[in-house]
Structure formats: C-alpha cells, structure tokens
Amino acid sequence: MDIQSKRAYSPVEKEDGIRVPVDRVWPRGMTKERLKADLWLKDAASSTALRKWFNHDRSSRKSPK
C-alpha cells in the first residue's frame, strides 16, 4: 500500500485515491465539497498544545541547510 501526502489546498486529482486530512483544525477557507475528504482523522494529529508550542517562536529554531 502506497501512502502519499498532499496539501489540503492542492487541486483534487482522480489519482489521489482516498483523501484523509490529519489535522485538528479544518483547512481555512475549504468547504467539504472542495476538499473532497473521505475521512477526517483529527484525533491522529498533533495536540493543540504541541501545535501552539511549535508555532510560538519559530525564530528560535534553525531551518535545515
């Protein structure tokens, strides 16, 4: 079984297969019809506390070279 990742905002293609967003929050500006998700696994995503910590101070983390 192949698993592919794709941004929620990328166009839907017939080759996508089953579409499963894994995030606690629904993508901003996306309707259910536009996203065409088969299943939403919000409980498999990072916790709200971890998301807030990760986005808190991005300047303190070095980007990969």
N, C-alpha and C. Protein backbone atom coordinates (compact mmCIF):
# COMPACT_ATOMS: atom_id res chain seq x y z
N MET A 1 0.85 -1.17 0.00
CA MET A 1 0.00 0.00 0.00
C MET A 1 0.89 1.24 0.00
N ASP A 2 0.65 2.13 -0.93
CA ASP A 2 1.38 3.39 -1.00
C ASP A 2 0.61 4.46 -0.26
N ILE A 3 1.35 5.28 0.47
CA ILE A 3 0.76 6.43 1.15
C ILE A 3 1.44 7.68 0.60
N GLN A 4 0.64 8.62 0.17
CA GLN A 4 1.17 9.87 -0.37
C GLN A 4 0.62 11.02 0.45
N SER A 5 1.43 12.06 0.60
CA SER A 5 0.94 13.25 1.30
C SER A 5 0.72 14.36 0.28
N LYS A 6 -0.21 15.22 0.62
CA LYS A 6 -0.57 16.30 -0.28
C LYS A 6 -1.19 17.42 0.55
N ARG A 7 -0.94 18.64 0.16
CA ARG A 7 -1.55 19.77 0.86
C ARG A 7 -3.05 19.79 0.63
N ALA A 8 -3.78 20.20 1.62
CA ALA A 8 -5.24 20.27 1.50
C ALA A 8 -5.66 21.26 0.42
N TYR A 9 -4.84 22.26 0.17
CA TYR A 9 -5.18 23.30 -0.79
C TYR A 9 -4.80 22.94 -2.23
N SER A 10 -4.10 21.82 -2.41
CA SER A 10 -3.75 21.37 -3.77
C SER A 10 -5.01 20.87 -4.48
N PRO A 11 -5.05 21.01 -5.79
CA PRO A 11 -6.23 20.55 -6.52
C PRO A 11 -6.48 19.05 -6.35
N VAL A 12 -7.73 18.67 -6.32
CA VAL A 12 -8.11 17.26 -6.25
C VAL A 12 -7.87 16.64 -7.61
N GLU A 13 -7.24 15.46 -7.60
CA GLU A 13 -6.99 14.73 -8.85
C GLU A 13 -7.56 13.34 -8.74
N LYS A 14 -7.92 12.76 -9.86
CA LYS A 14 -8.53 11.43 -9.82
C LYS A 14 -7.56 10.38 -9.31
N GLU A 15 -6.25 10.61 -9.41
CA GLU A 15 -5.24 9.67 -8.94
C GLU A 15 -5.02 9.75 -7.42
N ASP A 16 -5.69 10.67 -6.74
CA ASP A 16 -5.48 10.87 -5.31
C ASP A 16 -5.84 9.64 -4.48
N GLY A 17 -6.80 8.89 -4.89
CA GLY A 17 -7.25 7.77 -4.07
C GLY A 17 -8.08 8.28 -2.90
N ILE A 18 -7.97 7.61 -1.77
CA ILE A 18 -8.71 8.01 -0.57
C ILE A 18 -8.04 9.23 0.04
N ARG A 19 -8.82 10.26 0.33
CA ARG A 19 -8.28 11.51 0.87
C ARG A 19 -8.63 11.61 2.35
N VAL A 20 -7.58 11.71 3.20
CA VAL A 20 -7.76 11.71 4.65
C VAL A 20 -6.96 12.84 5.27
N PRO A 21 -7.59 13.98 5.57
CA PRO A 21 -6.87 15.04 6.28
C PRO A 21 -6.55 14.59 7.71
N VAL A 22 -5.34 14.92 8.16
CA VAL A 22 -4.92 14.60 9.53
C VAL A 22 -4.49 15.91 10.17
N ASP A 23 -5.45 16.61 10.73
CA ASP A 23 -5.19 17.90 11.38
C ASP A 23 -6.34 18.17 12.33
N ARG A 24 -6.07 18.87 13.42
CA ARG A 24 -7.11 19.16 14.41
C ARG A 24 -8.06 20.24 13.94
N VAL A 25 -7.60 21.11 13.06
CA VAL A 25 -8.46 22.19 12.57
C VAL A 25 -8.71 22.01 11.07
N TRP A 26 -9.91 22.34 10.66
CA TRP A 26 -10.27 22.23 9.25
C TRP A 26 -9.50 23.29 8.47
N PRO A 27 -9.00 22.98 7.28
CA PRO A 27 -8.24 23.97 6.50
C PRO A 27 -9.06 25.23 6.24
N ARG A 28 -8.48 26.36 6.53
CA ARG A 28 -9.16 27.64 6.40
C ARG A 28 -9.62 27.87 4.96
N GLY A 29 -10.87 28.26 4.82
CA GLY A 29 -11.42 28.58 3.52
C GLY A 29 -11.81 27.39 2.67
N MET A 30 -11.68 26.18 3.19
CA MET A 30 -12.02 24.98 2.42
C MET A 30 -13.40 24.46 2.83
N THR A 31 -14.24 24.23 1.85
CA THR A 31 -15.53 23.60 2.13
C THR A 31 -15.36 22.09 2.03
N LYS A 32 -16.30 21.37 2.58
CA LYS A 32 -16.27 19.91 2.48
C LYS A 32 -16.30 19.48 1.02
N GLU A 33 -17.09 20.17 0.22
CA GLU A 33 -17.20 19.83 -1.19
C GLU A 33 -15.89 20.05 -1.93
N ARG A 34 -15.19 21.12 -1.60
CA ARG A 34 -13.93 21.43 -2.29
C ARG A 34 -12.80 20.50 -1.86
N LEU A 35 -12.76 20.13 -0.59
CA LEU A 35 -11.69 19.26 -0.11
C LEU A 35 -11.89 17.82 -0.54
N LYS A 36 -13.14 17.39 -0.61
CA LYS A 36 -13.49 16.02 -1.01
C LYS A 36 -12.78 14.97 -0.16
N ALA A 37 -12.82 15.16 1.15
CA ALA A 37 -12.20 14.21 2.08
C ALA A 37 -13.10 13.01 2.28
N ASP A 38 -12.50 11.83 2.31
CA ASP A 38 -13.25 10.60 2.57
C ASP A 38 -13.38 10.34 4.06
N LEU A 39 -12.45 10.87 4.83
CA LEU A 39 -12.40 10.64 6.27
C LEU A 39 -11.55 11.76 6.87
N TRP A 40 -11.85 12.19 8.10
CA TRP A 40 -11.06 13.23 8.76
C TRP A 40 -10.53 12.65 10.06
N LEU A 41 -9.22 12.50 10.18
CA LEU A 41 -8.60 11.92 11.37
C LEU A 41 -8.01 13.01 12.26
N LYS A 42 -8.84 13.87 12.81
CA LYS A 42 -8.32 14.96 13.64
C LYS A 42 -7.70 14.45 14.93
N ASP A 43 -8.14 13.30 15.44
CA ASP A 43 -7.56 12.77 16.68
C ASP A 43 -6.17 12.16 16.47
N ALA A 44 -5.77 11.94 15.22
CA ALA A 44 -4.44 11.41 14.93
C ALA A 44 -3.41 12.53 14.76
N ALA A 45 -3.87 13.77 14.76
CA ALA A 45 -2.99 14.92 14.56
C ALA A 45 -2.31 15.32 15.86
N SER A 46 -1.36 16.23 15.74
CA SER A 46 -0.67 16.76 16.92
C SER A 46 -1.66 17.45 17.84
N SER A 47 -1.38 17.42 19.13
CA SER A 47 -2.28 18.05 20.10
C SER A 47 -2.27 19.57 19.90
N THR A 48 -3.29 20.22 20.40
CA THR A 48 -3.37 21.67 20.32
C THR A 48 -2.19 22.31 21.05
N ALA A 49 -1.81 21.77 22.19
CA ALA A 49 -0.68 22.31 22.94
C ALA A 49 0.62 22.21 22.13
N LEU A 50 0.84 21.09 21.45
CA LEU A 50 2.04 20.92 20.64
C LEU A 50 2.04 21.88 19.45
N ARG A 51 0.90 22.05 18.81
CA ARG A 51 0.81 23.00 17.69
C ARG A 51 1.13 24.41 18.15
N LYS A 52 0.58 24.81 19.30
CA LYS A 52 0.84 26.16 19.82
C LYS A 52 2.31 26.33 20.18
N TRP A 53 2.91 25.31 20.79
CA TRP A 53 4.32 25.39 21.14
C TRP A 53 5.17 25.51 19.88
N PHE A 54 4.88 24.70 18.88
CA PHE A 54 5.68 24.69 17.65
C PHE A 54 5.61 26.03 16.93
N ASN A 55 4.46 26.67 16.93
CA ASN A 55 4.28 27.94 16.23
C ASN A 55 4.63 29.15 17.09
N HIS A 56 4.93 28.94 18.37
CA HIS A 56 5.15 30.04 19.30
C HIS A 56 6.33 30.92 18.91
N ASP A 57 7.51 30.33 18.76
CA ASP A 57 8.71 31.13 18.49
C ASP A 57 9.54 30.45 17.41
N ARG A 58 9.14 30.63 16.20
CA ARG A 58 9.84 29.99 15.08
C ARG A 58 11.26 30.51 14.92
N SER A 59 11.53 31.73 15.33
CA SER A 59 12.86 32.30 15.16
C SER A 59 13.90 31.58 16.01
N SER A 60 13.47 30.86 17.05
CA SER A 60 14.43 30.16 17.90
C SER A 60 14.88 28.84 17.30
N ARG A 61 14.20 28.38 16.25
CA ARG A 61 14.59 27.12 15.59
C ARG A 61 15.34 27.43 14.31
N LYS A 62 16.38 26.66 14.08
CA LYS A 62 17.15 26.83 12.86
C LYS A 62 16.51 26.01 11.74
N SER A 63 16.48 26.57 10.56
CA SER A 63 15.95 25.82 9.43
C SER A 63 17.04 24.89 8.90
N PRO A 64 16.65 23.74 8.35
CA PRO A 64 17.65 22.80 7.81
C PRO A 64 18.40 23.43 6.65
N LYS A 65 19.66 23.05 6.54
CA LYS A 65 20.50 23.60 5.46
C LYS A 65 20.64 22.61 4.35
